Structure formats: C-alpha cells, structure tokens
Protein backbone atom coordinates (compact mmCIF):
# COMPACT_ATOMS: atom_id res chain seq x y z
CA MET A 1 -23.98 13.35 -3.17
CA LYS A 2 -20.33 14.30 -3.33
CA ALA A 3 -17.76 15.38 -5.87
CA ILE A 4 -14.17 14.43 -5.00
CA PHE A 5 -11.44 16.54 -6.61
CA GLU A 6 -7.93 15.13 -6.77
CA ASP A 7 -6.49 18.64 -7.17
CA ASN A 8 -2.83 19.37 -7.87
CA THR A 9 -1.14 17.81 -4.83
CA PHE A 10 -0.90 14.37 -6.44
CA GLU A 11 2.86 14.68 -7.09
CA ASN A 12 3.42 14.69 -3.32
CA PHE A 13 2.31 11.08 -3.24
CA TYR A 14 4.42 9.58 -5.98
CA PRO A 15 5.13 6.79 -6.82
CA PHE A 16 1.65 5.53 -5.85
CA THR A 17 -0.15 8.35 -7.65
CA LEU A 18 1.67 7.74 -10.92
CA ASN A 19 -1.16 5.35 -11.79
CA HIS A 20 -3.66 6.05 -8.99
CA ALA A 21 -5.69 9.03 -7.95
CA SER A 22 -4.65 10.45 -4.59
CA PHE A 23 -8.03 9.52 -3.09
CA GLU A 24 -7.10 5.84 -3.56
CA ILE A 25 -4.31 5.97 -0.94
CA ARG A 26 -4.88 3.49 1.89
CA VAL A 27 -5.21 5.00 5.35
CA GLY A 28 -5.59 2.22 7.89
CA THR A 29 -8.59 0.05 7.08
CA LYS A 30 -9.83 2.14 4.16
CA THR A 31 -8.79 4.28 1.25
CA LEU A 32 -9.27 8.03 1.42
CA LEU A 33 -12.23 7.68 -0.96
CA ASN A 34 -13.86 5.17 1.40
CA LYS A 35 -13.49 7.71 4.18
CA PHE A 36 -15.25 10.48 2.24
CA VAL A 37 -18.06 8.39 0.76
CA ASN A 38 -19.71 5.03 1.43
CA LEU A 39 -18.96 3.11 -1.76
CA GLU A 40 -21.44 0.38 -0.86
CA SER A 41 -24.45 2.68 -0.62
CA ASP A 42 -23.61 6.05 -2.19
CA LYS A 43 -23.57 5.58 -5.95
CA LYS A 44 -24.01 9.23 -6.87
CA ILE A 45 -20.34 10.18 -6.87
CA ILE A 46 -18.35 12.48 -9.10
CA LEU A 47 -14.58 12.01 -9.35
CA VAL A 48 -12.35 14.68 -10.87
CA VAL A 49 -8.85 13.48 -11.78
CA ARG A 50 -6.01 14.10 -14.22
CA ASP A 51 -6.88 13.36 -17.84
CA ILE A 52 -4.27 10.59 -18.02
CA LEU A 53 -6.15 8.69 -15.28
CA LYS A 54 -9.70 9.24 -16.54
CA ASP A 55 -10.13 5.91 -18.34
CA VAL A 56 -8.57 3.76 -15.62
CA ILE A 57 -10.62 5.49 -12.90
CA GLU A 58 -13.80 4.87 -14.93
CA GLU A 59 -12.86 1.18 -15.05
CA ARG A 60 -12.23 0.98 -11.30
CA TYR A 61 -15.36 2.92 -10.31
CA PRO A 62 -17.97 2.21 -13.02
CA PHE A 63 -20.78 3.67 -10.88
CA ALA A 64 -19.07 7.09 -10.64
CA ILE A 65 -19.16 10.02 -13.06
CA VAL A 66 -15.57 10.92 -13.95
CA ASN A 67 -14.50 14.38 -15.12
CA PRO A 68 -17.89 15.84 -16.09
CA GLU A 69 -17.99 19.22 -17.79
CA LYS A 70 -20.01 20.71 -14.91
CA ILE A 71 -20.59 19.86 -11.25
CA PRO A 72 -24.28 20.01 -10.22
CA ARG A 73 -24.99 22.58 -7.54
CA ASP A 74 -26.45 20.01 -5.15
CA TYR A 75 -23.15 18.09 -4.92
CA GLU A 76 -20.84 18.69 -1.97
CA GLU A 77 -17.33 19.41 -3.25
CA ILE A 78 -14.36 17.86 -1.47
CA HIS A 79 -10.96 19.12 -2.62
CA LEU A 80 -8.08 16.88 -1.57
CA GLY A 81 -5.67 19.78 -1.95
CA LYS A 82 -7.35 21.31 1.10
CA GLU A 83 -7.99 18.05 2.96
CA LEU A 84 -4.42 16.74 2.71
CA ASP A 85 -1.60 18.64 4.35
CA GLU A 86 0.74 15.65 4.26
CA THR A 87 3.91 16.06 2.23
CA SER A 88 4.45 12.44 1.15
CA LEU A 89 3.32 8.84 1.51
CA PHE A 90 5.51 8.49 4.60
CA GLN A 91 2.72 10.22 6.54
CA PHE A 92 0.44 7.32 5.57
CA SER A 93 2.81 4.53 6.58
CA GLY A 94 1.27 2.38 9.29
CA PHE A 95 -2.19 2.12 10.80
CA GLY A 96 -2.82 5.77 11.67
CA ASN A 97 -5.90 6.87 13.57
CA ASP A 98 -8.77 4.63 12.59
CA ALA A 99 -11.77 2.77 13.93
CA TYR A 100 -13.43 -0.17 12.27
CA ASN A 101 -15.84 -2.76 13.59
CA ILE A 102 -16.46 -6.24 12.26
CA ASP A 103 -19.89 -7.61 13.09
CA SER A 104 -18.81 -11.00 14.38
CA LYS A 105 -15.74 -12.57 15.92
CA SER A 106 -14.11 -15.93 15.46
CA ILE A 107 -12.51 -17.81 18.33
CA PRO A 108 -8.70 -18.02 18.08
CA SER A 109 -6.88 -21.25 18.84
CA GLU A 110 -6.78 -22.07 22.55
CA SER A 111 -2.99 -21.82 22.41
CA SER A 112 -3.11 -18.20 21.15
CA ALA A 113 -2.26 -15.33 23.50
CA ILE A 114 -4.72 -12.42 23.51
CA ILE A 115 -3.93 -9.11 25.27
CA ASN A 116 -6.68 -6.46 25.58
CA SER A 117 -9.31 -8.53 23.81
CA ASP A 118 -11.84 -5.69 23.88
CA ARG A 119 -9.70 -3.84 21.30
CA ILE A 120 -9.41 -6.82 18.96
CA ASN A 121 -11.91 -7.49 16.16
CA ILE A 122 -11.62 -10.79 14.31
CA SER A 123 -13.89 -11.64 11.39
CA GLU A 124 -15.88 -14.84 11.68
CA SER A 125 -14.32 -16.04 8.42
CA ALA A 126 -10.72 -15.30 9.51
CA LYS A 127 -8.46 -17.98 10.97
CA VAL A 128 -6.01 -17.47 13.85
CA CYS A 129 -3.72 -20.47 14.27
CA ALA A 130 -1.88 -21.95 17.25
CA GLY A 131 0.76 -19.85 18.98
CA VAL A 132 -0.37 -16.51 17.55
CA ILE A 133 0.06 -13.48 19.88
CA LEU A 134 -2.34 -10.55 19.50
CA ASP A 135 -1.34 -7.59 21.68
CA ALA A 136 -3.71 -4.62 21.51
CA SER A 137 -2.22 -2.78 24.49
CA GLU A 138 -0.98 0.03 22.22
CA GLY A 139 -3.81 0.07 19.67
CA GLN A 140 -6.68 -1.71 17.98
CA ILE A 141 -6.16 -4.93 16.01
CA ILE A 142 -8.53 -5.76 13.14
CA ILE A 143 -8.42 -9.12 11.36
CA ASP A 144 -10.66 -8.85 8.29
CA ASP A 145 -12.61 -11.44 6.27
CA ASN A 146 -10.94 -14.66 5.10
CA SER A 147 -7.52 -13.65 6.38
CA LEU A 148 -5.11 -16.16 7.93
CA LEU A 149 -2.66 -15.64 10.79
CA ASP A 150 -0.46 -18.70 10.63
CA ILE A 151 1.30 -20.38 13.55
CA GLY A 152 3.43 -18.24 15.84
CA ALA A 153 2.71 -14.87 14.22
CA LEU A 154 2.97 -11.83 16.52
CA VAL A 155 0.73 -8.84 15.85
CA LYS A 156 1.12 -5.78 18.07
CA GLY A 157 -1.47 -3.09 17.58
CA PRO A 158 -2.39 -0.85 16.06
CA ALA A 159 -2.77 -3.18 13.10
CA TYR A 160 -5.13 -3.96 10.25
CA ILE A 161 -4.92 -7.27 8.39
CA GLY A 162 -7.01 -6.97 5.22
CA ARG A 163 -9.34 -9.35 3.48
CA ASN A 164 -7.83 -12.58 2.11
CA THR A 165 -4.38 -11.68 3.45
CA ILE A 166 -1.98 -14.30 4.80
CA VAL A 167 0.42 -13.60 7.66
CA ASN A 168 3.15 -16.24 7.53
CA PRO A 169 4.42 -18.33 10.46
CA GLY A 170 6.57 -16.37 12.91
CA ALA A 171 5.90 -12.96 11.35
CA LYS A 172 6.30 -9.89 13.61
CA LEU A 173 3.97 -6.98 12.81
CA HIS A 174 3.52 -3.65 14.61
CA ASP A 175 1.63 -0.55 13.48
CA VAL A 176 0.73 -1.87 10.05
CA ALA A 177 -2.07 -1.50 7.53
CA ILE A 178 -2.00 -4.53 5.26
CA GLY A 179 -4.51 -4.29 2.41
CA PRO A 180 -6.37 -7.15 0.71
CA TYR A 181 -4.78 -10.20 -0.89
CA CYS A 182 -1.30 -9.71 0.55
CA LYS A 183 1.16 -12.31 1.84
CA VAL A 184 3.52 -11.02 4.52
CA GLY A 185 6.25 -12.41 6.74
CA GLY A 186 9.40 -11.36 8.58
CA GLU A 187 9.43 -8.11 10.58
CA ILE A 188 7.22 -5.21 9.48
CA GLU A 189 6.47 -2.04 11.42
CA HIS A 190 5.02 1.42 10.73
CA THR A 191 4.22 0.34 7.17
CA THR A 192 1.28 0.27 4.76
CA PHE A 193 0.70 -2.30 2.02
CA GLN A 194 -1.89 -0.93 -0.40
CA GLY A 195 -2.94 -4.44 -1.44
CA PHE A 196 -2.14 -7.45 -3.67
CA SER A 197 1.55 -7.39 -2.68
CA ASN A 198 3.95 -9.92 -1.18
CA LYS A 199 6.72 -9.86 1.39
CA GLN A 200 6.62 -13.50 2.39
CA HIS A 201 10.08 -14.08 3.81
CA ASP A 202 12.37 -12.90 6.59
CA GLY A 203 13.76 -9.40 6.42
CA TYR A 204 12.96 -6.02 7.96
CA LEU A 205 10.60 -3.44 6.47
CA GLY A 206 9.83 -0.26 8.39
CA ASN A 207 8.35 3.23 7.93
CA SER A 208 7.43 2.45 4.34
CA PHE A 209 4.55 2.55 1.87
CA ILE A 210 4.21 -0.36 -0.56
CA GLY A 211 1.94 -0.11 -3.61
CA GLU A 212 0.02 -2.88 -5.37
CA TRP A 213 1.41 -5.96 -7.12
CA VAL A 214 4.81 -5.56 -5.46
CA ASN A 215 6.98 -8.56 -4.60
CA LEU A 216 9.89 -8.30 -2.15
CA GLY A 217 12.38 -11.15 -2.47
CA ALA A 218 13.61 -13.22 0.46
CA ASN A 219 15.78 -11.30 2.96
CA THR A 220 15.00 -7.91 1.45
CA ASN A 221 15.81 -5.36 4.18
CA ASN A 222 15.42 -1.62 4.41
CA SER A 223 17.00 1.01 6.64
CA ASP A 224 14.66 3.62 8.13
CA LEU A 225 17.06 5.44 10.49
CA LYS A 226 20.46 6.99 9.78
CA ASN A 227 23.41 6.00 11.94
CA ASN A 228 23.87 9.62 13.00
CA TYR A 229 20.13 10.09 13.71
CA SER A 230 19.96 13.06 11.35
CA ARG A 231 16.88 14.00 9.32
CA ILE A 232 16.27 12.18 6.06
CA ASN A 233 15.94 13.88 2.68
CA VAL A 234 13.99 11.98 0.04
CA ARG A 235 13.71 12.74 -3.66
CA ILE A 236 10.13 12.37 -4.89
CA GLY A 237 9.80 13.19 -8.56
CA ASN A 238 11.50 16.54 -9.10
CA ASN A 239 11.26 17.55 -5.45
CA ASN A 240 13.30 16.82 -2.34
CA ILE A 241 11.46 16.57 0.97
CA ASP A 242 12.47 16.42 4.60
CA ALA A 243 10.92 13.13 5.76
CA GLY A 244 12.03 13.45 9.39
CA MET A 245 14.18 11.10 11.41
CA PHE A 246 12.43 7.88 10.32
CA ALA A 247 11.83 7.09 6.66
CA GLY A 248 12.11 3.73 4.97
CA CYS A 249 11.07 3.32 1.34
CA LEU A 250 8.29 4.16 -1.08
CA ILE A 251 7.70 1.43 -3.67
CA GLY A 252 5.46 1.90 -6.70
CA ASP A 253 3.10 -0.65 -8.21
CA TYR A 254 4.42 -3.73 -10.04
CA SER A 255 7.98 -3.40 -8.67
CA LYS A 256 10.11 -6.30 -7.42
CA THR A 257 13.28 -6.84 -5.44
CA GLY A 258 15.71 -9.74 -5.73
CA ILE A 259 16.81 -11.88 -2.80
CA SER A 260 18.88 -10.10 -0.11
CA THR A 261 18.22 -6.67 -1.59
CA MET A 262 19.49 -3.84 0.65
CA ILE A 263 17.31 -0.72 0.52
CA ASN A 264 18.82 2.48 1.91
CA THR A 265 17.21 5.03 4.23
CA GLY A 266 14.64 7.20 2.46
CA THR A 267 14.60 5.32 -0.85
CA TYR A 268 12.16 6.01 -3.70
CA ILE A 269 11.44 3.09 -6.05
CA GLY A 270 9.20 3.94 -9.00
CA LEU A 271 6.64 1.90 -10.86
CA GLY A 272 7.49 -1.36 -12.67
CA CYS A 273 11.07 -1.66 -11.38
CA ASN A 274 13.14 -4.81 -11.04
CA VAL A 275 15.65 -4.06 -8.26
CA PHE A 276 18.61 -6.37 -7.73
CA GLY A 277 22.35 -6.38 -7.24
CA ALA A 278 24.96 -6.33 -4.49
CA GLY A 279 25.25 -3.59 -1.88
CA PHE A 280 22.84 -0.76 -1.14
CA GLN A 281 20.61 0.20 -4.03
CA ASN A 282 20.34 3.74 -5.38
CA LYS A 283 18.14 6.00 -3.26
CA TYR A 284 16.16 7.17 -6.30
CA ILE A 285 15.11 4.48 -8.77
CA PRO A 286 13.08 5.71 -11.79
CA ASN A 287 10.09 3.93 -13.27
CA PHE A 288 10.73 0.65 -15.10
CA SER A 289 14.36 0.44 -13.98
CA TRP A 290 16.10 -2.90 -14.50
CA GLY A 291 18.95 -3.40 -12.06
CA ALA A 292 21.21 -0.54 -10.98
CA ASN A 293 23.02 0.28 -14.24
CA GLY A 294 20.44 2.52 -15.86
CA ASP A 295 18.80 -0.22 -17.94
CA LYS A 296 15.07 -0.11 -18.63
CA THR A 297 12.58 -2.95 -18.38
CA ASP A 298 11.38 -4.28 -21.72
CA TYR A 299 7.68 -3.34 -21.98
CA THR A 300 6.56 -6.54 -23.73
CA LYS A 301 8.30 -8.76 -21.20
CA PHE A 302 6.98 -6.62 -18.34
CA MET A 303 3.38 -7.01 -19.53
CA LYS A 304 3.82 -10.74 -20.06
CA THR A 305 5.00 -11.15 -16.46
CA LEU A 306 2.26 -8.88 -15.13
CA LYS A 307 -0.38 -11.01 -16.83
CA ILE A 308 0.93 -14.06 -14.95
CA VAL A 309 1.16 -12.16 -11.65
CA LYS A 310 -2.43 -10.92 -11.88
CA SER A 311 -3.79 -14.32 -12.87
CA ARG A 312 -2.51 -15.70 -9.56
CA ARG A 313 -5.08 -13.43 -7.82
CA ASP A 314 -7.79 -14.07 -10.44
CA ARG A 315 -7.28 -10.60 -11.90
CA VAL A 316 -6.60 -9.39 -15.44
CA ILE A 317 -4.88 -6.40 -17.01
CA THR A 318 -7.67 -4.09 -18.12
CA PRO A 319 -7.49 -2.18 -21.42
CA ALA A 320 -7.22 1.21 -19.70
CA GLU A 321 -4.54 -0.09 -17.34
CA ALA A 322 -2.50 -1.43 -20.27
CA GLU A 323 -2.77 1.88 -22.11
CA LEU A 324 -1.74 3.87 -19.03
CA LEU A 325 1.27 1.62 -18.41
CA LYS A 326 2.31 2.01 -22.04
CA LEU A 327 2.18 5.80 -21.73
CA LEU A 328 4.18 5.74 -18.49
CA HIS A 329 6.78 3.44 -20.02
CA GLN A 330 7.24 5.83 -22.95
CA GLU A 331 7.99 8.82 -20.70
C-alpha cells in the first residue's frame, strides 16, 4: 500500500504537468506511477495532487483515493519531490534506462533485418512488415501489443513502440519511447511521445517531449543543437533553465503544428496551441496560442475540434477534463 505525493516540483515539468500529475510522465515503457506501483494488482493507492487536478485524477484512476484528509500509518509514502532530481521534461526524452519483457514473440517478415535478436521483444499481436530493420546493438527494442511497423521502417534501439501504435513506411527511429495509440513517421530520435499523438509525415524531431493528443503537420522540423554548439536556455513557465547542448521542444497536450513548421532550438509550446506561419516560431508559446501574433484560440471551437480528435481514438472528453481545460483557458 503506497501513497504517492506529487509535491511542489510539478512546475519543472510544464507543459505536460499543466493538466497531468507529475507521476503520469512517461519514462520508457511506463509512466512514473507504473514504476512505483503495479496498477494491475495494487488497488490500494493514495494519490496526493494539486487541488486543480483532483477531479481529473479521480476520473483517470477511479480505484485510487485522491487527496484524503489523512494518510493511514500503514501506507508507504513516496514523495516525487525527493525522487525526481530532473529539472525538466528534457531529461525524460527518449527511452532511458528500462527493462520490459513481453511474454511471447511474433515472427517478423522473412525480408526483415534483425540485429541482436536477444534484445528484441515483439508482442505476438504486433506486426512487423517487409523490409523493416530492427537494430538492438545499442539498446533493447520493445514492440508492444497490436502495434504495426510498416514496410521499410528502421528502428535502432533503445526503443519502445507502444500498444496500438503505427510506425509509417520508411520511418527512422532511434532512442524513442512512443506511447500508445500514436502514428509516427519521418526521423525521430531521443524523443518521448506520451501517447495518442501523431507525427505521420517526413520531418525531423529530436531531443523532445510530446504530450497527448498532439498533431505535427507534414514536414514539421525542430532544431535541437545550436550552430555554435553553446548551451541552450529554455523558458519553462516563469523560470529559465539550462537544458545543456541538446534540447529540442516541449509540446503540451492538444497542440498542433501546420505544414512545414520550423521549431527553434529549446522551444516551449504550451497546451492547446495552434502553431503555424513562415519562418522559425517563437521559442516560448503560451497556452492556447493561435499563430504567432498573440491571438488566442477560441475555447468553443477548440472543444469542438477536440471532440472530433478524441472520437477518432474512441475516446471522449470527460466532465472533469472539460472543466480543467476551461479553467486553464481562462488564465
């Protein structure tokens, strides 16, 4: 029995933690919460989060007790403020150190190329098509349930391809953690997709963290290294951090980019943004931005589009989610 405390470090992990608790961050094959507790067997869980997230967390984890007045003495307390010494989501971009076993393996197409097969786990329900290259010489490769690697895709470990995710023909992936129900293509490296997001077309994405329900338009590209190889400063909320030499972009839930969008080194894109326009985009894009001229997304139109987007994955906007988004839009 465990009690997980979000603590006060959540701002370090904006924009994802604008509408998520910090224990929901994906790290490789699992979220942080999955690493602390077994959600399939341990139903005696207490979650302590910000008041603004209480209702939405109760919806996502109906078996958990959220924000009780007292913590029973027999519960082990886990405080994320002590567990996490990372300064931003950039530390979670890519596969990380993980280990995950799938009980059974499917047989890839005879025309696929497999390197270091003992470090490759492929679910029995996954499909690996002709011409796919799986190279686990630098790390484990995990292909989860009902995922599809289409013709000619190249996956260089470490890599996790989540449940019901599609890797498009000719995609090039290296050091990635792709969550469930994503569609990805082009070149992606050192990047995490939380889940339910799309980057279907050509274009480069590197050293980045992508939230849920994000859609990157065709030929969207990001820079993750300065021309002078200097360290990269990134604005996250009201703080500026030193993200090191390599830093791509952080993109919050429900955001979109237009075709051929150019994303600069160390860019922060908030929640619910619609990013488009010629040239490099601003390096700090606030929540619900529409274009680059300071306009704000209309809430009613945003929710109408989101309803359509979620229906394509057989999901709905929950009452608590709608209320939280309304509050965030009003800020």
